[in-house]
Protein backbone atom coordinates (compact mmCIF):
# COMPACT_ATOMS: atom_id res chain seq x y z
CA MET A 1 61.76 -28.29 85.74
CA ARG A 2 65.39 -27.49 86.70
CA PRO A 3 68.20 -26.15 84.88
CA LEU A 4 70.46 -28.75 83.23
CA ALA A 5 73.29 -29.49 85.61
CA ASP A 6 77.00 -31.45 84.27
CA ALA A 7 75.86 -34.84 86.02
CA ASP A 8 72.58 -34.70 83.35
CA VAL A 9 74.42 -35.12 80.52
CA GLU A 10 75.14 -38.75 79.95
CA ALA A 11 70.86 -39.03 80.73
CA ALA A 12 70.21 -36.10 78.70
CA ALA A 13 72.07 -37.58 75.83
CA GLY A 14 70.29 -40.77 75.79
CA VAL A 15 66.83 -38.99 76.15
CA GLN A 16 67.71 -36.98 72.31
CA ILE A 17 69.20 -40.28 70.91
CA SER A 18 65.89 -42.37 72.02
CA GLY A 19 63.77 -39.44 70.91
CA PHE A 20 65.14 -38.71 67.45
CA ASP A 21 65.34 -42.62 66.80
CA ASP A 22 61.71 -43.13 67.78
CA HIS A 23 60.94 -39.95 65.13
CA ASP A 24 62.76 -41.51 62.44
CA ARG A 25 60.62 -44.53 63.17
CA ARG A 26 57.14 -43.17 63.41
CA PHE A 27 57.96 -40.94 60.32
CA GLY A 28 59.83 -44.03 57.92
CA ARG A 29 63.03 -42.44 57.72
CA GLU A 30 66.61 -44.84 58.19
CA VAL A 31 67.53 -44.94 61.65
CA PRO A 32 70.98 -44.55 62.72
CA ASP A 33 73.17 -46.76 64.80
CA VAL A 34 73.94 -45.75 67.99
CA THR A 35 77.75 -45.70 67.65
CA PRO A 36 80.36 -44.58 70.08
CA GLU A 37 81.02 -41.32 67.95
CA ARG A 38 77.16 -40.88 67.64
CA ILE A 39 77.18 -40.90 71.44
CA ASP A 40 79.80 -38.59 72.00
CA VAL A 41 79.13 -36.10 69.46
CA THR A 42 75.64 -35.73 71.23
CA ARG A 43 77.44 -35.23 74.80
CA ARG A 44 80.06 -32.60 73.06
CA ARG A 45 76.78 -31.04 71.80
CA ILE A 46 74.91 -30.84 75.26
CA ARG A 47 78.08 -29.72 77.13
CA HIS A 48 79.27 -27.07 75.00
CA LEU A 49 75.50 -25.15 75.09
CA LEU A 50 75.56 -25.89 78.91
CA THR A 51 79.03 -24.31 79.20
CA CYS A 52 77.90 -21.29 76.60
CA ASP A 53 74.05 -21.07 77.68
CA PRO A 54 73.45 -22.14 80.91
CA ASP A 55 70.46 -20.39 81.34
CA GLY A 56 68.95 -22.07 78.54
CA ALA A 57 69.73 -25.25 79.52
CA TRP A 58 66.75 -27.16 81.12
CA VAL A 59 65.62 -30.56 81.99
CA ALA A 60 62.60 -32.24 82.86
CA ASP A 61 62.93 -34.73 85.89
CA ALA A 62 60.74 -37.37 87.40
CA ASP A 63 61.76 -38.80 90.52
CA GLY A 64 65.19 -38.28 89.89
CA THR A 65 64.80 -39.60 85.98
CA VAL A 66 65.27 -37.42 83.49
CA ILE A 67 62.45 -37.33 80.92
CA GLY A 68 63.24 -34.10 78.59
CA VAL A 69 65.73 -31.70 77.36
CA ALA A 70 65.82 -28.16 76.23
CA LEU A 71 68.64 -26.53 75.15
CA ALA A 72 68.35 -22.63 73.80
CA ILE A 73 71.30 -20.84 72.06
CA ARG A 74 71.15 -16.73 72.63
CA ARG A 75 73.65 -15.06 70.12
CA GLN A 76 73.59 -11.58 70.93
CA ARG A 77 69.88 -10.77 70.47
CA LEU A 78 69.42 -13.98 68.14
CA TRP A 79 67.55 -16.61 70.32
CA GLY A 80 67.27 -20.05 68.83
CA LEU A 81 65.83 -23.56 70.18
CA SER A 82 68.72 -26.20 69.83
CA LEU A 83 66.84 -29.02 71.34
CA LEU A 84 63.29 -29.97 72.77
CA VAL A 85 62.86 -33.77 73.29
CA VAL A 86 61.17 -35.43 75.61
CA ASP A 87 60.77 -39.60 76.49
CA THR A 88 58.43 -41.52 74.39
CA HIS A 89 57.06 -42.28 77.52
CA ALA A 90 56.10 -38.92 78.48
CA GLN A 91 55.03 -37.19 75.41
CA SER A 92 51.74 -35.53 74.80
CA GLY A 93 51.27 -34.83 78.79
CA GLY A 94 52.63 -31.19 78.86
CA VAL A 95 56.03 -31.89 78.99
CA GLY A 96 57.39 -30.23 75.98
CA ARG A 97 55.20 -27.27 76.52
CA ARG A 98 56.80 -26.65 79.85
CA LEU A 99 60.15 -27.01 78.36
CA LEU A 100 59.92 -24.52 76.24
CA ASP A 101 58.45 -22.12 78.17
CA ALA A 102 61.42 -22.39 80.29
CA ALA A 103 63.73 -22.39 77.00
CA LEU A 104 61.70 -19.20 75.65
CA SER A 105 63.09 -17.52 79.47
CA TYR A 106 66.24 -17.29 78.12
CA ALA A 107 65.21 -15.09 75.03
CA ASP A 108 65.17 -11.59 74.52
CA PRO A 109 61.32 -10.38 74.52
CA GLY A 110 61.83 -8.01 71.97
CA GLY A 111 64.40 -9.92 69.50
CA PRO A 112 64.11 -12.48 66.53
CA GLY A 113 63.92 -16.03 67.02
CA VAL A 114 64.39 -19.45 65.59
CA ILE A 115 63.13 -22.83 65.69
CA LEU A 116 64.03 -25.85 63.46
CA SER A 117 60.99 -28.36 63.98
CA SER A 118 60.51 -31.61 63.44
CA SER A 119 57.80 -33.22 61.32
CA ASP A 120 55.73 -34.38 64.42
CA PRO A 121 52.78 -32.26 64.47
CA ARG A 122 52.39 -32.22 67.88
CA ALA A 123 55.94 -30.03 67.80
CA ILE A 124 54.20 -28.07 64.57
CA ARG A 125 51.55 -27.54 66.62
CA LEU A 126 53.39 -26.59 69.87
CA TYR A 127 55.58 -23.66 68.04
CA ALA A 128 52.71 -22.20 66.17
CA SER A 129 50.90 -21.62 69.29
CA SER A 130 53.59 -19.94 70.76
CA GLY A 131 54.37 -16.50 68.95
CA PHE A 132 56.64 -17.83 65.93
CA ASP A 133 55.23 -17.91 62.13
CA LEU A 134 55.91 -21.26 60.15
CA HIS A 135 57.69 -21.28 56.99
CA PRO A 136 57.55 -24.15 55.23
CA GLN A 137 60.95 -26.46 54.18
CA ILE A 138 62.25 -29.08 52.04
CA ARG A 139 64.94 -31.48 52.20
CA ALA A 140 67.15 -33.58 49.53
CA GLY A 141 69.20 -36.30 49.69
CA GLY A 142 71.21 -39.07 47.56
CA ALA A 143 74.00 -39.31 45.27
CA VAL A 144 75.73 -36.55 43.49
CA ALA A 145 74.72 -36.71 39.69
CA ARG A 146 78.74 -35.99 39.06
CA ALA A 147 77.72 -35.45 35.30
CA ARG A 148 75.81 -32.51 36.47
CA LEU A 149 78.17 -30.75 39.19
CA ARG A 150 78.56 -27.34 38.14
CA VAL A 151 81.68 -25.25 38.46
CA PRO A 152 81.12 -22.38 41.37
CA GLU A 153 80.50 -18.96 40.06
CA LEU A 154 82.70 -17.40 42.61
CA PRO A 155 86.68 -19.52 44.21
CA VAL A 156 85.77 -21.22 46.68
CA ARG A 157 88.52 -22.05 49.28
CA ASP A 158 88.89 -24.53 51.96
CA GLY A 159 88.65 -22.92 55.55
CA ASN A 160 90.39 -22.97 58.74
CA ALA A 161 90.07 -21.24 62.31
CA GLY A 162 91.91 -18.17 61.07
CA ASP A 163 88.21 -17.55 59.22
CA TYR A 164 86.20 -18.05 62.19
CA ASP A 165 86.07 -13.96 62.64
CA PHE A 166 85.62 -13.45 59.35
CA ALA A 167 82.87 -15.82 59.11
CA ASP A 168 81.17 -14.39 62.49
CA ALA A 169 81.65 -10.65 60.37
CA VAL A 170 79.08 -12.78 57.78
CA ASP A 171 76.89 -14.22 60.66
CA VAL A 172 76.16 -10.56 61.46
CA VAL A 173 75.02 -9.01 57.98
CA VAL A 174 72.98 -12.70 57.09
CA ARG A 175 71.33 -13.31 60.20
CA GLY A 176 72.17 -10.48 62.98
CA ALA A 177 74.50 -12.20 65.19
CA ALA A 178 77.40 -14.21 65.11
CA ARG A 179 77.81 -17.62 66.02
CA GLY A 180 81.34 -17.43 67.90
CA ALA A 181 82.51 -20.28 69.94
CA ASP A 182 79.95 -22.71 68.04
CA HIS A 183 82.23 -22.43 64.54
CA GLU A 184 84.83 -24.29 66.73
CA MET A 185 82.03 -27.05 67.00
CA LEU A 186 81.23 -27.02 63.32
CA ALA A 187 84.53 -27.35 62.41
CA ALA A 188 85.08 -30.64 64.65
CA LEU A 189 82.59 -32.46 62.59
CA GLY A 190 83.59 -31.91 58.90
CA PRO A 191 85.47 -29.15 56.38
CA MET A 192 84.89 -25.66 55.91
CA PHE A 193 84.85 -23.70 52.83
CA VAL A 194 85.09 -20.00 52.46
CA VAL A 195 84.34 -17.41 49.44
CA ASP A 196 85.62 -14.22 49.96
CA ALA A 197 85.46 -11.95 46.58
CA GLY A 198 84.91 -8.13 47.82
CA GLU A 199 81.69 -7.80 48.47
CA ARG A 200 80.22 -11.39 48.10
CA ARG A 201 81.69 -13.42 50.96
CA GLY A 202 80.35 -16.40 52.81
CA TYR A 203 81.17 -20.05 54.38
CA ALA A 204 79.88 -23.23 54.81
CA PHE A 205 80.53 -26.66 56.78
CA LEU A 206 80.37 -30.06 56.19
CA ARG A 207 79.40 -33.44 58.57
CA GLY A 208 80.27 -36.34 56.35
CA GLY A 209 78.02 -35.73 53.11
CA ARG A 210 75.52 -33.36 55.28
CA VAL A 211 75.82 -29.37 54.30
CA SER A 212 75.57 -28.76 58.05
CA THR A 213 75.23 -24.39 57.64
CA ILE A 214 75.68 -22.03 54.82
CA ALA A 215 75.56 -18.41 55.27
CA ALA A 216 76.22 -16.16 52.85
CA THR A 217 76.08 -12.33 51.87
CA ASP A 218 74.22 -13.16 48.53
CA ASP A 219 72.25 -15.78 46.33
CA VAL A 220 75.51 -16.35 43.87
CA THR A 221 77.93 -16.70 46.76
CA ALA A 222 75.40 -19.03 48.70
CA SER A 223 75.30 -21.15 45.37
CA ALA A 224 78.80 -21.39 44.65
CA LEU A 225 79.28 -22.81 48.28
CA LEU A 226 76.82 -24.88 47.76
CA TRP A 227 78.18 -26.62 44.88
CA ARG A 228 81.13 -26.69 46.42
CA CYS A 229 80.12 -28.84 49.33
CA LEU A 230 78.07 -31.35 47.16
CA ALA A 231 81.52 -32.08 44.54
CA HIS A 232 83.23 -32.64 47.76
CA THR A 233 80.66 -35.43 48.74
CA ALA A 234 80.85 -36.60 45.34
CA GLU A 235 84.97 -37.11 45.41
CA ALA A 236 84.45 -38.60 48.87
CA GLY A 237 81.80 -41.34 47.58
CA VAL A 238 79.14 -40.65 50.13
CA GLU A 239 75.25 -39.52 49.58
CA ALA A 240 74.86 -35.53 49.77
CA GLU A 241 72.33 -34.16 52.69
CA VAL A 242 70.96 -30.78 51.89
CA ASP A 243 68.80 -29.85 54.97
CA HIS A 244 66.32 -26.52 55.94
CA VAL A 245 65.81 -25.60 52.90
CA PRO A 246 62.73 -22.69 53.29
CA GLY A 247 60.68 -21.32 50.10
CA ASN A 248 63.07 -18.27 49.90
CA GLN A 249 66.35 -20.21 48.92
CA GLN A 250 65.45 -20.93 45.45
CA TRP A 251 69.49 -20.79 44.93
CA ALA A 252 69.41 -23.98 46.50
CA VAL A 253 66.41 -25.79 45.41
CA ARG A 254 67.84 -25.32 41.88
CA ALA A 255 71.18 -26.58 42.87
CA ILE A 256 69.96 -29.96 44.61
CA VAL A 257 67.41 -30.31 41.78
CA GLN A 258 70.18 -30.19 39.21
CA ALA A 259 72.39 -32.07 41.00
CA GLY A 260 70.13 -34.85 41.03
CA LEU A 261 69.21 -35.20 44.79
CA THR A 262 65.98 -36.85 46.10
CA VAL A 263 63.31 -33.74 47.47
CA LYS A 264 61.33 -34.75 50.33
CA PRO A 265 59.18 -32.26 52.69
CA ALA A 266 60.70 -31.56 55.65
CA GLY A 267 59.40 -29.86 58.79
CA PRO A 268 59.03 -26.15 59.32
CA VAL A 269 60.99 -23.73 60.27
CA PHE A 270 59.76 -21.08 62.96
CA TRP A 271 60.80 -17.62 62.76
CA ARG A 272 59.82 -14.49 65.58
CA GLY A 273 60.18 -10.90 64.56
CA CYS A 274 61.61 -11.71 61.06
CA SER A 275 61.37 -13.64 58.30
CA PRO A 276 63.99 -16.90 57.20
CA PRO A 277 67.38 -14.74 56.06
CA ALA A 278 68.39 -15.13 52.77
CA ALA A 279 71.54 -17.32 51.36
CA TYR A 280 70.86 -19.36 54.70
CA LEU A 281 70.72 -22.47 55.76
CA PRO A 282 70.82 -23.34 59.40
CA ASN A 283 72.29 -25.90 61.39
CA GLY A 284 70.26 -27.96 63.36
CA ALA A 285 71.73 -27.87 66.85
CA TYR A 286 73.90 -24.26 66.55
CA LEU A 287 71.18 -22.74 63.88
């Protein structure tokens, strides 16, 4: 185990892409093409976290070859695991455990923590044995049924860089920690939507048809943002994806079912020190 260096970014991106593709094949999911855009997004994610969270960025090195990567985020007291992936030929040998231990060294021992797990039983066992509580999740996808689209109960407007401070204030209320520079990374991938209606406040980011994240002060606001995201995907003619929906987010369950999306089991989320925040759909990379 050693700290991730800038010279490792390309190799780390390769391990991430190959590891994710192997996971998708094993669990019967569609494997995305390895396009220049996908490679670039992966590299930028790794570089961003290396810049913002160098003490949470680790690699497993075997004779000069990167065989595993762990990236951890710490925003104020909130710690989160952004990435843990091990080369397919080096799995089940304890590398993942050592990478997780290294990433956890970056956490506030008394602060909250979150891990969004894959469906791999080995990952679930690792996180469940590391002091985190398991919360089941679902995901949903498919073409939105236009006839079922619902008009949001609150006014939703387009967001921009001038809303990042507003979003940080929402983050503090919802999850106890602002995202800060992570907003710029999310905005680079797709549009932002905002609700600013007195005490009802929240925001969402999209990436293509995928809901990147939603954070809101209450269920009504979160629901309005989700419906706007679903309408945007329908307008763009792309299929919608909504990930990381735990059982306490019934506002999201109701919307995705009404919109006609196909609901499937997903890997669980693990929280330490608290339960999944209400009115919050986290982002896989930036929590």
